[in-house]
Amino acid sequence: MVTWLFGAGIVLMVVGTAGTVLPVLPGPPLVFSGILLAAWADGFERIGWPSLVILGLLTLVTVAIDLLAAAWGTQRVKASPHALIGATAGSIVGLFVGFAGLVIGPFVGAVAGEYFARRELRQAGKVGLAAWLGLVVGGAARLAIVFVMIAWFAIAFWI
């Protein structure tokens, strides 16, 4: 049973790492759930509550980054709410197109949303670029934090 729980924890960490760059999966919370499950399988001997509290706080930081990154990018260029909705829709549609869709989808969605709201192509382009940059910066920060979380787990568990 312990081996099965530990294996499930590792699977959650791997899926969570993928979810950090895929907008549909809640990556960092899945990574934290995997760490928590692996710690539980070990009886919290190698990964104790102090580590879990710190890793839980890091998970909350990634959630805040998710909320703030797109808003920061779009607010800097005074985007309409339609642009944020468009960027989100573009991200979801982009999932079905592949990696190129994940990269281009948020930009196209934000441009379409902003153009729909204001009918200014130049402003829509600025908003699309700002939304895309916000998502890229936020994604890089989330990925860095997830790698720190996994490294923390690995060091505490195996060293």
C-alpha atoms as a PDB file:
ATOM      1  CA  MET A   1       0.000   0.000   0.000  1.00  0.00           C
ATOM      2  CA  VAL A   2       2.827   2.426   0.878  1.00  0.00           C
ATOM      3  CA  THR A   3       4.575   1.833  -2.445  1.00  0.00           C
ATOM      4  CA  TRP A   4       1.316   2.439  -4.309  1.00  0.00           C
ATOM      5  CA  LEU A   5       0.725   5.741  -2.473  1.00  0.00           C
ATOM      6  CA  PHE A   6       4.281   6.876  -3.106  1.00  0.00           C
ATOM      7  CA  GLY A   7       3.954   5.979  -6.807  1.00  0.00           C
ATOM      8  CA  ALA A   8       0.678   7.885  -7.034  1.00  0.00           C
ATOM      9  CA  GLY A   9       2.405  10.871  -5.437  1.00  0.00           C
ATOM     10  CA  ILE A  10       5.168  10.773  -8.048  1.00  0.00           C
ATOM     11  CA  VAL A  11       2.577  10.544 -10.847  1.00  0.00           C
ATOM     12  CA  LEU A  12       0.773  13.600  -9.435  1.00  0.00           C
ATOM     13  CA  MET A  13       4.060  15.511  -9.361  1.00  0.00           C
ATOM     14  CA  VAL A  14       4.798  14.630 -13.008  1.00  0.00           C
ATOM     15  CA  VAL A  15       1.265  15.525 -14.154  1.00  0.00           C
ATOM     16  CA  GLY A  16       1.428  18.708 -12.083  1.00  0.00           C
ATOM     17  CA  THR A  17       4.709  19.714 -13.694  1.00  0.00           C
ATOM     18  CA  ALA A  18       3.088  19.311 -17.116  1.00  0.00           C
ATOM     19  CA  GLY A  19       0.078  21.227 -15.810  1.00  0.00           C
ATOM     20  CA  THR A  20       2.309  24.129 -14.928  1.00  0.00           C
ATOM     21  CA  VAL A  21       2.700  24.917 -18.620  1.00  0.00           C
ATOM     22  CA  LEU A  22      -0.700  23.627 -19.779  1.00  0.00           C
ATOM     23  CA  PRO A  23      -3.404  26.130 -18.856  1.00  0.00           C
ATOM     24  CA  VAL A  24      -6.162  23.595 -18.174  1.00  0.00           C
ATOM     25  CA  LEU A  25      -4.405  21.555 -15.460  1.00  0.00           C
ATOM     26  CA  PRO A  26      -3.822  23.079 -12.015  1.00  0.00           C
ATOM     27  CA  GLY A  27      -0.100  22.256 -12.053  1.00  0.00           C
ATOM     28  CA  PRO A  28       1.331  23.528  -8.764  1.00  0.00           C
ATOM     29  CA  PRO A  29      -1.603  22.277  -6.637  1.00  0.00           C
ATOM     30  CA  LEU A  30      -1.179  18.847  -8.262  1.00  0.00           C
ATOM     31  CA  VAL A  31       2.550  18.904  -7.483  1.00  0.00           C
ATOM     32  CA  PHE A  32       1.804  19.822  -3.870  1.00  0.00           C
ATOM     33  CA  SER A  33      -0.832  17.057  -3.666  1.00  0.00           C
ATOM     34  CA  GLY A  34       1.743  14.576  -4.947  1.00  0.00           C
ATOM     35  CA  ILE A  35       4.298  15.716  -2.388  1.00  0.00           C
ATOM     36  CA  LEU A  36       1.693  15.486   0.370  1.00  0.00           C
ATOM     37  CA  LEU A  37       0.693  11.980  -0.742  1.00  0.00           C
ATOM     38  CA  ALA A  38       4.319  10.808  -0.886  1.00  0.00           C
ATOM     39  CA  ALA A  39       4.976  12.321   2.548  1.00  0.00           C
ATOM     40  CA  TRP A  40       1.913  10.563   3.932  1.00  0.00           C
ATOM     41  CA  ALA A  41       3.054   7.261   2.415  1.00  0.00           C
ATOM     42  CA  ASP A  42       6.304   7.708   4.347  1.00  0.00           C
ATOM     43  CA  GLY A  43       4.516   8.564   7.584  1.00  0.00           C
ATOM     44  CA  PHE A  44       5.792  12.165   7.341  1.00  0.00           C
ATOM     45  CA  GLU A  45       9.229  10.952   8.443  1.00  0.00           C
ATOM     46  CA  ARG A  46      11.343  12.537   5.694  1.00  0.00           C
ATOM     47  CA  ILE A  47       8.956  15.311   4.667  1.00  0.00           C
ATOM     48  CA  GLY A  48       7.583  16.824   7.845  1.00  0.00           C
ATOM     49  CA  TRP A  49       4.969  19.438   8.546  1.00  0.00           C
ATOM     50  CA  PRO A  50       7.355  22.416   8.447  1.00  0.00           C
ATOM     51  CA  SER A  51       8.383  21.500   4.900  1.00  0.00           C
ATOM     52  CA  LEU A  52       4.771  20.886   3.907  1.00  0.00           C
ATOM     53  CA  VAL A  53       3.726  24.285   5.244  1.00  0.00           C
ATOM     54  CA  ILE A  54       6.476  26.022   3.246  1.00  0.00           C
ATOM     55  CA  LEU A  55       5.621  24.034   0.114  1.00  0.00           C
ATOM     56  CA  GLY A  56       1.940  24.843   0.635  1.00  0.00           C
ATOM     57  CA  LEU A  57       2.790  28.544   0.833  1.00  0.00           C
ATOM     58  CA  LEU A  58       4.802  28.248  -2.383  1.00  0.00           C
ATOM     59  CA  THR A  59       1.735  26.668  -3.994  1.00  0.00           C
ATOM     60  CA  LEU A  60      -0.366  29.640  -2.891  1.00  0.00           C
ATOM     61  CA  VAL A  61       2.236  31.980  -4.393  1.00  0.00           C
ATOM     62  CA  THR A  62       1.819  30.223  -7.753  1.00  0.00           C
ATOM     63  CA  VAL A  63      -1.956  30.692  -7.552  1.00  0.00           C
ATOM     64  CA  ALA A  64      -1.419  34.407  -6.887  1.00  0.00           C
ATOM     65  CA  ILE A  65       0.980  34.573  -9.832  1.00  0.00           C
ATOM     66  CA  ASP A  66      -1.706  33.017 -12.052  1.00  0.00           C
ATOM     67  CA  LEU A  67      -4.206  35.648 -11.016  1.00  0.00           C
ATOM     68  CA  LEU A  68      -1.826  38.579 -11.210  1.00  0.00           C
ATOM     69  CA  ALA A  69       0.245  37.808 -14.326  1.00  0.00           C
ATOM     70  CA  ALA A  70      -2.522  38.064 -16.904  1.00  0.00           C
ATOM     71  CA  ALA A  71      -4.134  41.004 -15.096  1.00  0.00           C
ATOM     72  CA  TRP A  72      -0.780  42.801 -14.857  1.00  0.00           C
ATOM     73  CA  GLY A  73      -0.099  42.317 -18.544  1.00  0.00           C
ATOM     74  CA  THR A  74      -3.495  43.553 -19.654  1.00  0.00           C
ATOM     75  CA  GLN A  75      -3.857  46.393 -17.139  1.00  0.00           C
ATOM     76  CA  ARG A  76      -0.577  47.968 -18.204  1.00  0.00           C
ATOM     77  CA  VAL A  77      -2.124  48.695 -21.606  1.00  0.00           C
ATOM     78  CA  LYS A  78      -5.632  49.443 -20.283  1.00  0.00           C
ATOM     79  CA  ALA A  79      -7.281  46.395 -21.811  1.00  0.00           C
ATOM     80  CA  SER A  80     -10.991  45.708 -21.708  1.00  0.00           C
ATOM     81  CA  PRO A  81     -12.388  42.715 -19.813  1.00  0.00           C
ATOM     82  CA  HIS A  82     -13.128  41.190 -23.223  1.00  0.00           C
ATOM     83  CA  ALA A  83      -9.378  40.895 -23.834  1.00  0.00           C
ATOM     84  CA  LEU A  84      -8.865  38.793 -20.701  1.00  0.00           C
ATOM     85  CA  ILE A  85     -11.801  36.578 -21.649  1.00  0.00           C
ATOM     86  CA  GLY A  86     -10.385  36.270 -25.164  1.00  0.00           C
ATOM     87  CA  ALA A  87      -6.913  35.353 -23.863  1.00  0.00           C
ATOM     88  CA  THR A  88      -8.422  32.634 -21.684  1.00  0.00           C
ATOM     89  CA  ALA A  89     -10.525  31.295 -24.549  1.00  0.00           C
ATOM     90  CA  GLY A  90      -7.487  31.393 -26.840  1.00  0.00           C
ATOM     91  CA  SER A  91      -5.499  29.375 -24.320  1.00  0.00           C
ATOM     92  CA  ILE A  92      -8.183  26.713 -24.116  1.00  0.00           C
ATOM     93  CA  VAL A  93      -8.617  26.466 -27.888  1.00  0.00           C
ATOM     94  CA  GLY A  94      -4.834  26.416 -28.256  1.00  0.00           C
ATOM     95  CA  LEU A  95      -4.692  23.206 -26.223  1.00  0.00           C
ATOM     96  CA  PHE A  96      -6.350  21.338 -29.059  1.00  0.00           C
ATOM     97  CA  VAL A  97      -3.990  22.741 -31.693  1.00  0.00           C
ATOM     98  CA  GLY A  98      -0.751  21.710 -30.034  1.00  0.00           C
ATOM     99  CA  PHE A  99       2.263  23.641 -28.822  1.00  0.00           C
ATOM    100  CA  ALA A 100       1.857  26.375 -31.441  1.00  0.00           C
ATOM    101  CA  GLY A 101      -1.726  26.848 -30.279  1.00  0.00           C
ATOM    102  CA  LEU A 102      -0.579  27.205 -26.681  1.00  0.00           C
ATOM    103  CA  VAL A 103       1.843  29.920 -27.724  1.00  0.00           C
ATOM    104  CA  ILE A 104      -0.339  31.773 -30.212  1.00  0.00           C
ATOM    105  CA  GLY A 105      -3.806  31.131 -28.722  1.00  0.00           C
ATOM    106  CA  PRO A 106      -3.681  33.626 -25.830  1.00  0.00           C
ATOM    107  CA  PHE A 107      -2.361  36.357 -28.121  1.00  0.00           C
ATOM    108  CA  VAL A 108      -5.015  35.796 -30.783  1.00  0.00           C
ATOM    109  CA  GLY A 109      -7.762  35.536 -28.176  1.00  0.00           C
ATOM    110  CA  ALA A 110      -6.738  38.766 -26.449  1.00  0.00           C
ATOM    111  CA  VAL A 111      -6.511  40.609 -29.769  1.00  0.00           C
ATOM    112  CA  ALA A 112      -9.935  39.335 -30.812  1.00  0.00           C
ATOM    113  CA  GLY A 113     -11.500  40.234 -27.457  1.00  0.00           C
ATOM    114  CA  GLU A 114     -10.015  43.730 -27.426  1.00  0.00           C
ATOM    115  CA  TYR A 115     -10.892  44.367 -31.062  1.00  0.00           C
ATOM    116  CA  PHE A 116     -14.469  43.243 -30.384  1.00  0.00           C
ATOM    117  CA  ALA A 117     -14.683  45.687 -27.464  1.00  0.00           C
ATOM    118  CA  ARG A 118     -13.021  48.775 -28.999  1.00  0.00           C
ATOM    119  CA  ARG A 119     -12.617  48.242 -32.745  1.00  0.00           C
ATOM    120  CA  GLU A 120      -9.034  49.572 -32.688  1.00  0.00           C
ATOM    121  CA  LEU A 121      -6.563  47.194 -34.275  1.00  0.00           C
ATOM    122  CA  ARG A 122      -3.455  48.943 -32.898  1.00  0.00           C
ATOM    123  CA  GLN A 123      -4.763  48.837 -29.309  1.00  0.00           C
ATOM    124  CA  ALA A 124      -5.855  45.229 -29.794  1.00  0.00           C
ATOM    125  CA  GLY A 125      -2.326  44.305 -30.903  1.00  0.00           C
ATOM    126  CA  LYS A 126      -0.805  45.991 -27.842  1.00  0.00           C
ATOM    127  CA  VAL A 127      -3.236  44.195 -25.574  1.00  0.00           C
ATOM    128  CA  GLY A 128      -2.523  40.856 -27.241  1.00  0.00           C
ATOM    129  CA  LEU A 129       1.207  41.292 -26.789  1.00  0.00           C
ATOM    130  CA  ALA A 130       0.803  42.408 -23.164  1.00  0.00           C
ATOM    131  CA  ALA A 131      -1.474  39.474 -22.330  1.00  0.00           C
ATOM    132  CA  TRP A 132       0.917  37.041 -23.994  1.00  0.00           C
ATOM    133  CA  LEU A 133       3.945  38.477 -22.166  1.00  0.00           C
ATOM    134  CA  GLY A 134       2.060  38.347 -18.868  1.00  0.00           C
ATOM    135  CA  LEU A 135       1.223  34.701 -19.427  1.00  0.00           C
ATOM    136  CA  VAL A 136       4.811  33.851 -20.429  1.00  0.00           C
ATOM    137  CA  VAL A 137       6.336  35.621 -17.420  1.00  0.00           C
ATOM    138  CA  GLY A 138       3.752  34.078 -15.098  1.00  0.00           C
ATOM    139  CA  GLY A 139       4.326  30.628 -16.578  1.00  0.00           C
ATOM    140  CA  ALA A 140       8.083  30.915 -16.171  1.00  0.00           C
ATOM    141  CA  ALA A 141       7.688  31.993 -12.543  1.00  0.00           C
ATOM    142  CA  ARG A 142       5.252  29.133 -11.823  1.00  0.00           C
ATOM    143  CA  LEU A 143       7.581  26.621 -13.466  1.00  0.00           C
ATOM    144  CA  ALA A 144      10.550  27.878 -11.447  1.00  0.00           C
ATOM    145  CA  ILE A 145       8.577  27.554  -8.211  1.00  0.00           C
ATOM    146  CA  VAL A 146       7.417  24.037  -9.138  1.00  0.00           C
ATOM    147  CA  PHE A 147      11.021  22.991  -9.771  1.00  0.00           C
ATOM    148  CA  VAL A 148      11.975  24.400  -6.362  1.00  0.00           C
ATOM    149  CA  MET A 149       9.142  22.427  -4.769  1.00  0.00           C
ATOM    150  CA  ILE A 150      10.194  19.186  -6.445  1.00  0.00           C
ATOM    151  CA  ALA A 151      13.858  19.769  -5.589  1.00  0.00           C
ATOM    152  CA  TRP A 152      12.882  20.431  -1.970  1.00  0.00           C
ATOM    153  CA  PHE A 153      10.961  17.138  -1.939  1.00  0.00           C
ATOM    154  CA  ALA A 154      13.807  15.215  -3.557  1.00  0.00           C
ATOM    155  CA  ILE A 155      16.430  16.615  -1.207  1.00  0.00           C
ATOM    156  CA  ALA A 156      14.327  16.029   1.898  1.00  0.00           C
ATOM    157  CA  PHE A 157      13.294  12.551   0.825  1.00  0.00           C
ATOM    158  CA  TRP A 158      16.508  11.087  -0.543  1.00  0.00           C
ATOM    159  CA  ILE A 159      19.275  12.947   1.215  1.00  0.00           C
END
